[in-house]
Amino acid sequence: MKPTKISDVYNYLSTGREITSMQAFVMFKATRLSAIIHVLRKRGHNIVSNNRVENGVRFSSYQLIPPDLK
């Protein structure tokens, strides 16, 4: 079975890395990262949003918090 974009993003986050919308688009061709994060949160995963500003541009990055650190 082909991995979905949701599972691709989850697997990436489960390695301890953060992801931005631009990274999700480049790596997985996922254009709606916020919708994927919403689904993962509904499934019970603790994902935090980190708001950032770089070069005057605002964006969010998302990070999965492991269950033992909730």
PDB file of N, CA and C in Angstrom:
ATOM      1  N   MET A   1       0.838  -1.175   0.000  1.00  0.00           N
ATOM      2  CA  MET A   1       0.000   0.000   0.000  1.00  0.00           C
ATOM      3  C   MET A   1       0.889   1.247   0.000  1.00  0.00           C
ATOM      4  N   LYS A   2       0.506   2.221  -0.790  1.00  0.00           N
ATOM      5  CA  LYS A   2       1.269   3.461  -0.906  1.00  0.00           C
ATOM      6  C   LYS A   2       1.064   4.327   0.330  1.00  0.00           C
ATOM      7  N   PRO A   3       2.156   4.861   0.878  1.00  0.00           N
ATOM      8  CA  PRO A   3       2.007   5.739   2.048  1.00  0.00           C
ATOM      9  C   PRO A   3       1.216   6.997   1.681  1.00  0.00           C
ATOM     10  N   THR A   4       0.427   7.475   2.617  1.00  0.00           N
ATOM     11  CA  THR A   4      -0.315   8.713   2.397  1.00  0.00           C
ATOM     12  C   THR A   4       0.528   9.896   2.845  1.00  0.00           C
ATOM     13  N   LYS A   5       0.088  11.066   2.487  1.00  0.00           N
ATOM     14  CA  LYS A   5       0.796  12.271   2.923  1.00  0.00           C
ATOM     15  C   LYS A   5       0.729  12.400   4.438  1.00  0.00           C
ATOM     16  N   ILE A   6      -0.389  11.946   5.017  1.00  0.00           N
ATOM     17  CA  ILE A   6      -0.521  11.995   6.477  1.00  0.00           C
ATOM     18  C   ILE A   6       0.533  11.106   7.125  1.00  0.00           C
ATOM     19  N   SER A   7       0.682   9.890   6.623  1.00  0.00           N
ATOM     20  CA  SER A   7       1.682   8.990   7.212  1.00  0.00           C
ATOM     21  C   SER A   7       3.100   9.481   6.917  1.00  0.00           C
ATOM     22  N   ASP A   8       3.310  10.078   5.755  1.00  0.00           N
ATOM     23  CA  ASP A   8       4.632  10.642   5.443  1.00  0.00           C
ATOM     24  C   ASP A   8       5.014  11.725   6.449  1.00  0.00           C
ATOM     25  N   VAL A   9       4.081  12.638   6.718  1.00  0.00           N
ATOM     26  CA  VAL A   9       4.344  13.728   7.663  1.00  0.00           C
ATOM     27  C   VAL A   9       4.526  13.165   9.065  1.00  0.00           C
ATOM     28  N   TYR A  10       3.667  12.228   9.465  1.00  0.00           N
ATOM     29  CA  TYR A  10       3.805  11.631  10.798  1.00  0.00           C
ATOM     30  C   TYR A  10       5.163  10.943  10.960  1.00  0.00           C
ATOM     31  N   ASN A  11       5.560  10.165   9.971  1.00  0.00           N
ATOM     32  CA  ASN A  11       6.856   9.478  10.049  1.00  0.00           C
ATOM     33  C   ASN A  11       8.009  10.477  10.145  1.00  0.00           C
ATOM     34  N   TYR A  12       7.908  11.564   9.421  1.00  0.00           N
ATOM     35  CA  TYR A  12       8.943  12.602   9.483  1.00  0.00           C
ATOM     36  C   TYR A  12       8.987  13.226  10.879  1.00  0.00           C
ATOM     37  N   LEU A  13       7.819  13.583  11.414  1.00  0.00           N
ATOM     38  CA  LEU A  13       7.760  14.202  12.735  1.00  0.00           C
ATOM     39  C   LEU A  13       8.211  13.244  13.835  1.00  0.00           C
ATOM     40  N   SER A  14       7.951  11.959  13.650  1.00  0.00           N
ATOM     41  CA  SER A  14       8.290  10.981  14.688  1.00  0.00           C
ATOM     42  C   SER A  14       9.802  10.798  14.853  1.00  0.00           C
ATOM     43  N   THR A  15      10.580  11.354  13.933  1.00  0.00           N
ATOM     44  CA  THR A  15      12.036  11.299  14.066  1.00  0.00           C
ATOM     45  C   THR A  15      12.567  12.439  14.935  1.00  0.00           C
ATOM     46  N   GLY A  16      11.659  13.288  15.434  1.00  0.00           N
ATOM     47  CA  GLY A  16      12.058  14.385  16.310  1.00  0.00           C
ATOM     48  C   GLY A  16      12.293  15.701  15.601  1.00  0.00           C
ATOM     49  N   ARG A  17      12.036  15.743  14.305  1.00  0.00           N
ATOM     50  CA  ARG A  17      12.257  16.972  13.546  1.00  0.00           C
ATOM     51  C   ARG A  17      10.987  17.813  13.474  1.00  0.00           C
ATOM     52  N   GLU A  18      11.150  19.077  13.158  1.00  0.00           N
ATOM     53  CA  GLU A  18      10.032  19.988  12.918  1.00  0.00           C
ATOM     54  C   GLU A  18       9.788  20.060  11.420  1.00  0.00           C
ATOM     55  N   ILE A  19       8.568  20.496  11.059  1.00  0.00           N
ATOM     56  CA  ILE A  19       8.258  20.646   9.636  1.00  0.00           C
ATOM     57  C   ILE A  19       7.477  21.938   9.420  1.00  0.00           C
ATOM     58  N   THR A  20       7.739  22.584   8.296  1.00  0.00           N
ATOM     59  CA  THR A  20       7.003  23.776   7.877  1.00  0.00           C
ATOM     60  C   THR A  20       6.196  23.426   6.629  1.00  0.00           C
ATOM     61  N   SER A  21       5.296  24.311   6.268  1.00  0.00           N
ATOM     62  CA  SER A  21       4.494  24.087   5.062  1.00  0.00           C
ATOM     63  C   SER A  21       5.369  23.960   3.816  1.00  0.00           C
ATOM     64  N   MET A  22       6.399  24.784   3.734  1.00  0.00           N
ATOM     65  CA  MET A  22       7.284  24.730   2.573  1.00  0.00           C
ATOM     66  C   MET A  22       8.019  23.389   2.514  1.00  0.00           C
ATOM     67  N   GLN A  23       8.508  22.916   3.642  1.00  0.00           N
ATOM     68  CA  GLN A  23       9.182  21.618   3.671  1.00  0.00           C
ATOM     69  C   GLN A  23       8.231  20.499   3.271  1.00  0.00           C
ATOM     70  N   ALA A  24       6.991  20.552   3.784  1.00  0.00           N
ATOM     71  CA  ALA A  24       6.008  19.516   3.466  1.00  0.00           C
ATOM     72  C   ALA A  24       5.704  19.504   1.974  1.00  0.00           C
ATOM     73  N   PHE A  25       5.641  20.679   1.379  1.00  0.00           N
ATOM     74  CA  PHE A  25       5.377  20.748  -0.059  1.00  0.00           C
ATOM     75  C   PHE A  25       6.537  20.165  -0.861  1.00  0.00           C
ATOM     76  N   VAL A  26       7.741  20.559  -0.510  1.00  0.00           N
ATOM     77  CA  VAL A  26       8.922  20.102  -1.251  1.00  0.00           C
ATOM     78  C   VAL A  26       9.126  18.595  -1.084  1.00  0.00           C
ATOM     79  N   MET A  27       9.010  18.097   0.141  1.00  0.00           N
ATOM     80  CA  MET A  27       9.301  16.685   0.405  1.00  0.00           C
ATOM     81  C   MET A  27       8.176  15.742   0.012  1.00  0.00           C
ATOM     82  N   PHE A  28       6.920  16.152   0.285  1.00  0.00           N
ATOM     83  CA  PHE A  28       5.795  15.227   0.117  1.00  0.00           C
ATOM     84  C   PHE A  28       4.720  15.723  -0.846  1.00  0.00           C
ATOM     85  N   LYS A  29       4.920  16.899  -1.444  1.00  0.00           N
ATOM     86  CA  LYS A  29       3.917  17.522  -2.309  1.00  0.00           C
ATOM     87  C   LYS A  29       2.603  17.752  -1.568  1.00  0.00           C
ATOM     88  N   ALA A  30       2.712  17.985  -0.258  1.00  0.00           N
ATOM     89  CA  ALA A  30       1.546  18.239   0.595  1.00  0.00           C
ATOM     90  C   ALA A  30       1.302  19.747   0.636  1.00  0.00           C
ATOM     91  N   THR A  31       0.181  20.179   0.100  1.00  0.00           N
ATOM     92  CA  THR A  31      -0.103  21.612   0.014  1.00  0.00           C
ATOM     93  C   THR A  31      -0.885  22.131   1.211  1.00  0.00           C
ATOM     94  N   ARG A  32      -1.474  21.233   2.026  1.00  0.00           N
ATOM     95  CA  ARG A  32      -2.285  21.665   3.171  1.00  0.00           C
ATOM     96  C   ARG A  32      -1.767  21.019   4.447  1.00  0.00           C
ATOM     97  N   LEU A  33      -0.592  21.437   4.872  1.00  0.00           N
ATOM     98  CA  LEU A  33       0.009  20.859   6.071  1.00  0.00           C
ATOM     99  C   LEU A  33      -0.878  21.068   7.290  1.00  0.00           C
ATOM    100  N   SER A  34      -1.525  22.208   7.404  1.00  0.00           N
ATOM    101  CA  SER A  34      -2.374  22.453   8.573  1.00  0.00           C
ATOM    102  C   SER A  34      -3.503  21.432   8.663  1.00  0.00           C
ATOM    103  N   ALA A  35      -4.044  20.994   7.535  1.00  0.00           N
ATOM    104  CA  ALA A  35      -5.096  19.974   7.532  1.00  0.00           C
ATOM    105  C   ALA A  35      -4.538  18.621   7.976  1.00  0.00           C
ATOM    106  N   ILE A  36      -3.331  18.313   7.558  1.00  0.00           N
ATOM    107  CA  ILE A  36      -2.681  17.058   7.973  1.00  0.00           C
ATOM    108  C   ILE A  36      -2.421  17.085   9.469  1.00  0.00           C
ATOM    109  N   ILE A  37      -1.954  18.214   9.980  1.00  0.00           N
ATOM    110  CA  ILE A  37      -1.698  18.353  11.412  1.00  0.00           C
ATOM    111  C   ILE A  37      -3.010  18.206  12.180  1.00  0.00           C
ATOM    112  N   HIS A  38      -4.085  18.762  11.658  1.00  0.00           N
ATOM    113  CA  HIS A  38      -5.404  18.646  12.293  1.00  0.00           C
ATOM    114  C   HIS A  38      -5.817  17.177  12.415  1.00  0.00           C
ATOM    115  N   VAL A  39      -5.636  16.411  11.358  1.00  0.00           N
ATOM    116  CA  VAL A  39      -5.979  14.989  11.369  1.00  0.00           C
ATOM    117  C   VAL A  39      -5.126  14.245  12.401  1.00  0.00           C
ATOM    118  N   LEU A  40      -3.842  14.531  12.423  1.00  0.00           N
ATOM    119  CA  LEU A  40      -2.952  13.862  13.378  1.00  0.00           C
ATOM    120  C   LEU A  40      -3.334  14.201  14.821  1.00  0.00           C
ATOM    121  N   ARG A  41      -3.709  15.443  15.064  1.00  0.00           N
ATOM    122  CA  ARG A  41      -4.146  15.825  16.409  1.00  0.00           C
ATOM    123  C   ARG A  41      -5.446  15.108  16.774  1.00  0.00           C
ATOM    124  N   LYS A  42      -6.362  14.998  15.829  1.00  0.00           N
ATOM    125  CA  LYS A  42      -7.621  14.270  16.067  1.00  0.00           C
ATOM    126  C   LYS A  42      -7.355  12.810  16.402  1.00  0.00           C
ATOM    127  N   ARG A  43      -6.276  12.264  15.866  1.00  0.00           N
ATOM    128  CA  ARG A  43      -5.901  10.871  16.142  1.00  0.00           C
ATOM    129  C   ARG A  43      -5.185  10.732  17.479  1.00  0.00           C
ATOM    130  N   GLY A  44      -5.015  11.841  18.187  1.00  0.00           N
ATOM    131  CA  GLY A  44      -4.457  11.795  19.534  1.00  0.00           C
ATOM    132  C   GLY A  44      -2.986  12.136  19.660  1.00  0.00           C
ATOM    133  N   HIS A  45      -2.361  12.556  18.587  1.00  0.00           N
ATOM    134  CA  HIS A  45      -0.945  12.909  18.644  1.00  0.00           C
ATOM    135  C   HIS A  45      -0.794  14.337  19.170  1.00  0.00           C
ATOM    136  N   ASN A  46       0.165  14.524  20.059  1.00  0.00           N
ATOM    137  CA  ASN A  46       0.422  15.834  20.642  1.00  0.00           C
ATOM    138  C   ASN A  46       1.422  16.573  19.755  1.00  0.00           C
ATOM    139  N   ILE A  47       0.901  17.500  18.959  1.00  0.00           N
ATOM    140  CA  ILE A  47       1.737  18.272  18.035  1.00  0.00           C
ATOM    141  C   ILE A  47       1.621  19.738  18.411  1.00  0.00           C
ATOM    142  N   VAL A  48       2.766  20.372  18.612  1.00  0.00           N
ATOM    143  CA  VAL A  48       2.769  21.786  18.974  1.00  0.00           C
ATOM    144  C   VAL A  48       3.151  22.631  17.761  1.00  0.00           C
ATOM    145  N   SER A  49       2.604  23.842  17.743  1.00  0.00           N
ATOM    146  CA  SER A  49       2.919  24.815  16.698  1.00  0.00           C
ATOM    147  C   SER A  49       3.913  25.814  17.258  1.00  0.00           C
ATOM    148  N   ASN A  50       4.943  26.080  16.499  1.00  0.00           N
ATOM    149  CA  ASN A  50       5.936  27.085  16.869  1.00  0.00           C
ATOM    150  C   ASN A  50       5.851  28.208  15.839  1.00  0.00           C
ATOM    151  N   ASN A  51       5.359  29.371  16.274  1.00  0.00           N
ATOM    152  CA  ASN A  51       5.252  30.506  15.359  1.00  0.00           C
ATOM    153  C   ASN A  51       6.609  31.175  15.237  1.00  0.00           C
ATOM    154  N   ARG A  52       6.965  31.497  14.004  1.00  0.00           N
ATOM    155  CA  ARG A  52       8.285  32.068  13.732  1.00  0.00           C
ATOM    156  C   ARG A  52       8.168  33.264  12.800  1.00  0.00           C
ATOM    157  N   VAL A  53       9.191  34.080  12.832  1.00  0.00           N
ATOM    158  CA  VAL A  53       9.329  35.190  11.891  1.00  0.00           C
ATOM    159  C   VAL A  53      10.763  35.179  11.406  1.00  0.00           C
ATOM    160  N   GLU A  54      10.941  35.031  10.108  1.00  0.00           N
ATOM    161  CA  GLU A  54      12.269  35.090   9.509  1.00  0.00           C
ATOM    162  C   GLU A  54      12.206  35.991   8.291  1.00  0.00           C
ATOM    163  N   ASN A  55      13.100  36.956   8.237  1.00  0.00           N
ATOM    164  CA  ASN A  55      13.142  37.921   7.130  1.00  0.00           C
ATOM    165  C   ASN A  55      11.798  38.607   6.926  1.00  0.00           C
ATOM    166  N   GLY A  56      11.102  38.879   8.031  1.00  0.00           N
ATOM    167  CA  GLY A  56       9.815  39.567   7.962  1.00  0.00           C
ATOM    168  C   GLY A  56       8.650  38.682   7.552  1.00  0.00           C
ATOM    169  N   VAL A  57       8.871  37.387   7.422  1.00  0.00           N
ATOM    170  CA  VAL A  57       7.820  36.458   7.007  1.00  0.00           C
ATOM    171  C   VAL A  57       7.403  35.616   8.204  1.00  0.00           C
ATOM    172  N   ARG A  58       6.094  35.571   8.472  1.00  0.00           N
ATOM    173  CA  ARG A  58       5.563  34.762   9.564  1.00  0.00           C
ATOM    174  C   ARG A  58       5.165  33.389   9.041  1.00  0.00           C
ATOM    175  N   PHE A  59       5.483  32.362   9.808  1.00  0.00           N
ATOM    176  CA  PHE A  59       5.066  31.008   9.457  1.00  0.00           C
ATOM    177  C   PHE A  59       5.126  30.142  10.705  1.00  0.00           C
ATOM    178  N   SER A  60       4.558  28.956  10.611  1.00  0.00           N
ATOM    179  CA  SER A  60       4.569  28.017  11.725  1.00  0.00           C
ATOM    180  C   SER A  60       5.376  26.794  11.368  1.00  0.00           C
ATOM    181  N   SER A  61       5.995  26.225  12.379  1.00  0.00           N
ATOM    182  CA  SER A  61       6.585  24.905  12.224  1.00  0.00           C
ATOM    183  C   SER A  61       5.884  24.017  13.246  1.00  0.00           C
ATOM    184  N   TYR A  62       5.825  22.748  12.951  1.00  0.00           N
ATOM    185  CA  TYR A  62       5.108  21.806  13.796  1.00  0.00           C
ATOM    186  C   TYR A  62       6.074  20.750  14.304  1.00  0.00           C
ATOM    187  N   GLN A  63       5.857  20.352  15.566  1.00  0.00           N
ATOM    188  CA  GLN A  63       6.727  19.370  16.195  1.00  0.00           C
ATOM    189  C   GLN A  63       5.880  18.389  16.993  1.00  0.00           C
ATOM    190  N   LEU A  64       6.188  17.105  16.854  1.00  0.00           N
ATOM    191  CA  LEU A  64       5.500  16.050  17.588  1.00  0.00           C
ATOM    192  C   LEU A  64       6.151  15.899  18.953  1.00  0.00           C
ATOM    193  N   ILE A  65       5.340  15.933  19.993  1.00  0.00           N
ATOM    194  CA  ILE A  65       5.825  15.706  21.350  1.00  0.00           C
ATOM    195  C   ILE A  65       5.600  14.230  21.681  1.00  0.00           C
ATOM    196  N   PRO A  66       6.667  13.498  22.004  1.00  0.00           N
ATOM    197  CA  PRO A  66       6.513  12.069  22.304  1.00  0.00           C
ATOM    198  C   PRO A  66       5.558  11.851  23.483  1.00  0.00           C
ATOM    199  N   PRO A  67       4.829  10.726  23.489  1.00  0.00           N
ATOM    200  CA  PRO A  67       3.826  10.469  24.536  1.00  0.00           C
ATOM    201  C   PRO A  67       4.386  10.537  25.958  1.00  0.00           C
ATOM    202  N   ASP A  68       5.632  10.149  26.172  1.00  0.00           N
ATOM    203  CA  ASP A  68       6.185  10.158  27.517  1.00  0.00           C
ATOM    204  C   ASP A  68       6.572  11.552  27.994  1.00  0.00           C
ATOM    205  N   LEU A  69       6.496  12.562  27.113  1.00  0.00           N
ATOM    206  CA  LEU A  69       6.848  13.934  27.492  1.00  0.00           C
ATOM    207  C   LEU A  69       5.633  14.850  27.586  1.00  0.00           C
ATOM    208  N   LYS A  70       4.431  14.310  27.453  1.00  0.00           N
ATOM    209  CA  LYS A  70       3.216  15.131  27.531  1.00  0.00           C
ATOM    210  C   LYS A  70       3.155  15.721  28.876  1.00  0.00           C
TER     211      LYS A  70
END
